[in-house]
Amino acid sequence: MNAKGWALTAGIGAAAGAVAVLMMPRTNPTRRLAAKAANKMEDVAWKVSDTISSKMDQMDF
């Protein structure tokens, strides 16, 4: 299996896992843990975006 096939298979597996977690009741500990992880990843993404934006603003074109 080449890299593209592996990436596609991994992506499909991750999507299927995410759907399974979202189908769980909100009180399920697994769903709560997944929600916390998603919130942390969102925070990191915003921080990275802000850092890149500030670096781009400092550059002189």
N, C-alpha and C. Protein backbone atom coordinates (compact mmCIF):
# COMPACT_ATOMS: atom_id res chain seq x y z
N MET A 1 0.86 -1.18 0.00
CA MET A 1 0.00 0.00 0.00
C MET A 1 0.90 1.24 0.00
N ASN A 2 0.63 2.15 -0.90
CA ASN A 2 1.45 3.36 -0.97
C ASN A 2 0.97 4.39 0.06
N ALA A 3 1.66 5.50 0.12
CA ALA A 3 1.35 6.52 1.13
C ALA A 3 -0.05 7.10 0.93
N LYS A 4 -0.45 7.30 -0.30
CA LYS A 4 -1.79 7.87 -0.56
C LYS A 4 -2.88 6.94 -0.06
N GLY A 5 -2.71 5.66 -0.34
CA GLY A 5 -3.70 4.68 0.12
C GLY A 5 -3.77 4.60 1.63
N TRP A 6 -2.59 4.65 2.25
CA TRP A 6 -2.55 4.61 3.71
C TRP A 6 -3.23 5.84 4.31
N ALA A 7 -2.93 7.01 3.75
CA ALA A 7 -3.52 8.26 4.26
C ALA A 7 -5.04 8.24 4.08
N LEU A 8 -5.50 7.75 2.94
CA LEU A 8 -6.94 7.67 2.70
C LEU A 8 -7.60 6.72 3.70
N THR A 9 -6.99 5.57 3.92
CA THR A 9 -7.54 4.60 4.86
C THR A 9 -7.55 5.17 6.28
N ALA A 10 -6.48 5.84 6.68
CA ALA A 10 -6.42 6.44 8.01
C ALA A 10 -7.47 7.54 8.16
N GLY A 11 -7.64 8.34 7.12
CA GLY A 11 -8.64 9.41 7.17
C GLY A 11 -10.06 8.87 7.28
N ILE A 12 -10.35 7.83 6.53
CA ILE A 12 -11.68 7.21 6.60
C ILE A 12 -11.90 6.60 7.98
N GLY A 13 -10.88 5.96 8.52
CA GLY A 13 -11.00 5.37 9.87
C GLY A 13 -11.22 6.43 10.93
N ALA A 14 -10.51 7.55 10.82
CA ALA A 14 -10.67 8.64 11.79
C ALA A 14 -12.07 9.24 11.69
N ALA A 15 -12.56 9.41 10.47
CA ALA A 15 -13.91 9.96 10.29
C ALA A 15 -14.96 9.02 10.86
N ALA A 16 -14.80 7.73 10.63
CA ALA A 16 -15.75 6.76 11.16
C ALA A 16 -15.72 6.76 12.69
N GLY A 17 -14.53 6.86 13.26
CA GLY A 17 -14.42 6.93 14.72
C GLY A 17 -15.07 8.17 15.28
N ALA A 18 -14.90 9.30 14.59
CA ALA A 18 -15.51 10.55 15.05
C ALA A 18 -17.03 10.46 15.00
N VAL A 19 -17.55 9.86 13.96
CA VAL A 19 -19.01 9.69 13.86
C VAL A 19 -19.51 8.79 14.98
N ALA A 20 -18.78 7.72 15.28
CA ALA A 20 -19.18 6.81 16.36
C ALA A 20 -19.20 7.54 17.70
N VAL A 21 -18.21 8.39 17.94
CA VAL A 21 -18.16 9.13 19.21
C VAL A 21 -19.32 10.12 19.27
N LEU A 22 -19.63 10.78 18.16
CA LEU A 22 -20.72 11.76 18.16
C LEU A 22 -22.09 11.11 18.36
N MET A 23 -22.20 9.84 18.04
CA MET A 23 -23.47 9.13 18.22
C MET A 23 -23.69 8.71 19.67
N MET A 24 -22.65 8.80 20.48
CA MET A 24 -22.77 8.43 21.90
C MET A 24 -23.56 9.50 22.65
N PRO A 25 -24.18 9.12 23.77
CA PRO A 25 -24.87 10.12 24.59
C PRO A 25 -23.88 11.14 25.14
N ARG A 26 -24.36 12.35 25.37
CA ARG A 26 -23.49 13.43 25.86
C ARG A 26 -22.87 13.11 27.22
N THR A 27 -23.49 12.25 27.98
CA THR A 27 -22.96 11.91 29.31
C THR A 27 -21.88 10.84 29.26
N ASN A 28 -21.64 10.25 28.09
CA ASN A 28 -20.65 9.19 27.95
C ASN A 28 -19.25 9.77 28.18
N PRO A 29 -18.45 9.12 29.03
CA PRO A 29 -17.10 9.63 29.32
C PRO A 29 -16.21 9.74 28.08
N THR A 30 -16.38 8.82 27.14
CA THR A 30 -15.58 8.88 25.92
C THR A 30 -15.91 10.11 25.11
N ARG A 31 -17.20 10.42 25.03
CA ARG A 31 -17.60 11.61 24.28
C ARG A 31 -17.11 12.87 24.98
N ARG A 32 -17.18 12.89 26.29
CA ARG A 32 -16.68 14.07 27.03
C ARG A 32 -15.18 14.26 26.81
N LEU A 33 -14.43 13.16 26.83
CA LEU A 33 -12.99 13.23 26.59
C LEU A 33 -12.70 13.71 25.17
N ALA A 34 -13.46 13.22 24.21
CA ALA A 34 -13.27 13.65 22.83
C ALA A 34 -13.59 15.14 22.67
N ALA A 35 -14.61 15.61 23.38
CA ALA A 35 -14.97 17.03 23.31
C ALA A 35 -13.87 17.90 23.91
N LYS A 36 -13.29 17.44 25.02
CA LYS A 36 -12.18 18.19 25.63
C LYS A 36 -10.99 18.25 24.69
N ALA A 37 -10.68 17.13 24.06
CA ALA A 37 -9.56 17.09 23.12
C ALA A 37 -9.82 18.00 21.92
N ALA A 38 -11.04 18.01 21.43
CA ALA A 38 -11.39 18.87 20.30
C ALA A 38 -11.28 20.34 20.69
N ASN A 39 -11.71 20.68 21.89
CA ASN A 39 -11.60 22.07 22.36
C ASN A 39 -10.15 22.50 22.48
N LYS A 40 -9.30 21.61 23.00
CA LYS A 40 -7.88 21.95 23.13
C LYS A 40 -7.24 22.12 21.75
N MET A 41 -7.60 21.25 20.81
CA MET A 41 -7.05 21.37 19.46
C MET A 41 -7.50 22.66 18.81
N GLU A 42 -8.74 23.07 19.05
CA GLU A 42 -9.23 24.34 18.52
C GLU A 42 -8.44 25.50 19.11
N ASP A 43 -8.18 25.46 20.40
CA ASP A 43 -7.39 26.51 21.04
C ASP A 43 -5.99 26.60 20.44
N VAL A 44 -5.37 25.45 20.24
CA VAL A 44 -4.03 25.41 19.65
C VAL A 44 -4.07 25.98 18.23
N ALA A 45 -5.08 25.60 17.46
CA ALA A 45 -5.19 26.09 16.08
C ALA A 45 -5.33 27.61 16.06
N TRP A 46 -6.12 28.16 16.99
CA TRP A 46 -6.27 29.62 17.05
C TRP A 46 -4.95 30.29 17.41
N LYS A 47 -4.23 29.70 18.37
CA LYS A 47 -2.94 30.27 18.78
C LYS A 47 -1.95 30.26 17.62
N VAL A 48 -1.90 29.16 16.90
CA VAL A 48 -1.00 29.06 15.75
C VAL A 48 -1.39 30.09 14.69
N SER A 49 -2.69 30.20 14.44
CA SER A 49 -3.17 31.18 13.46
C SER A 49 -2.81 32.60 13.87
N ASP A 50 -3.00 32.91 15.14
CA ASP A 50 -2.65 34.25 15.63
C ASP A 50 -1.15 34.51 15.51
N THR A 51 -0.35 33.51 15.83
CA THR A 51 1.10 33.66 15.74
C THR A 51 1.53 33.89 14.29
N ILE A 52 0.99 33.11 13.39
CA ILE A 52 1.33 33.28 11.97
C ILE A 52 0.89 34.66 11.48
N SER A 53 -0.30 35.08 11.87
CA SER A 53 -0.79 36.40 11.45
C SER A 53 0.10 37.52 11.98
N SER A 54 0.51 37.41 13.23
CA SER A 54 1.35 38.47 13.80
C SER A 54 2.73 38.48 13.14
N LYS A 55 3.26 37.30 12.81
CA LYS A 55 4.55 37.23 12.12
C LYS A 55 4.44 37.83 10.72
N MET A 56 3.33 37.55 10.05
CA MET A 56 3.12 38.10 8.71
C MET A 56 2.96 39.62 8.77
N ASP A 57 2.32 40.12 9.81
CA ASP A 57 2.14 41.56 9.96
C ASP A 57 3.47 42.26 10.20
N GLN A 58 4.41 41.56 10.83
CA GLN A 58 5.71 42.15 11.14
C GLN A 58 6.64 42.15 9.92
N MET A 59 6.34 41.32 8.95
CA MET A 59 7.21 41.22 7.76
C MET A 59 7.00 42.44 6.87
N ASP A 60 8.06 42.85 6.24
CA ASP A 60 8.01 43.99 5.34
C ASP A 60 8.06 43.48 3.91
N PHE A 61 7.01 43.66 3.19
CA PHE A 61 6.97 43.17 1.80
C PHE A 61 7.30 44.26 0.85
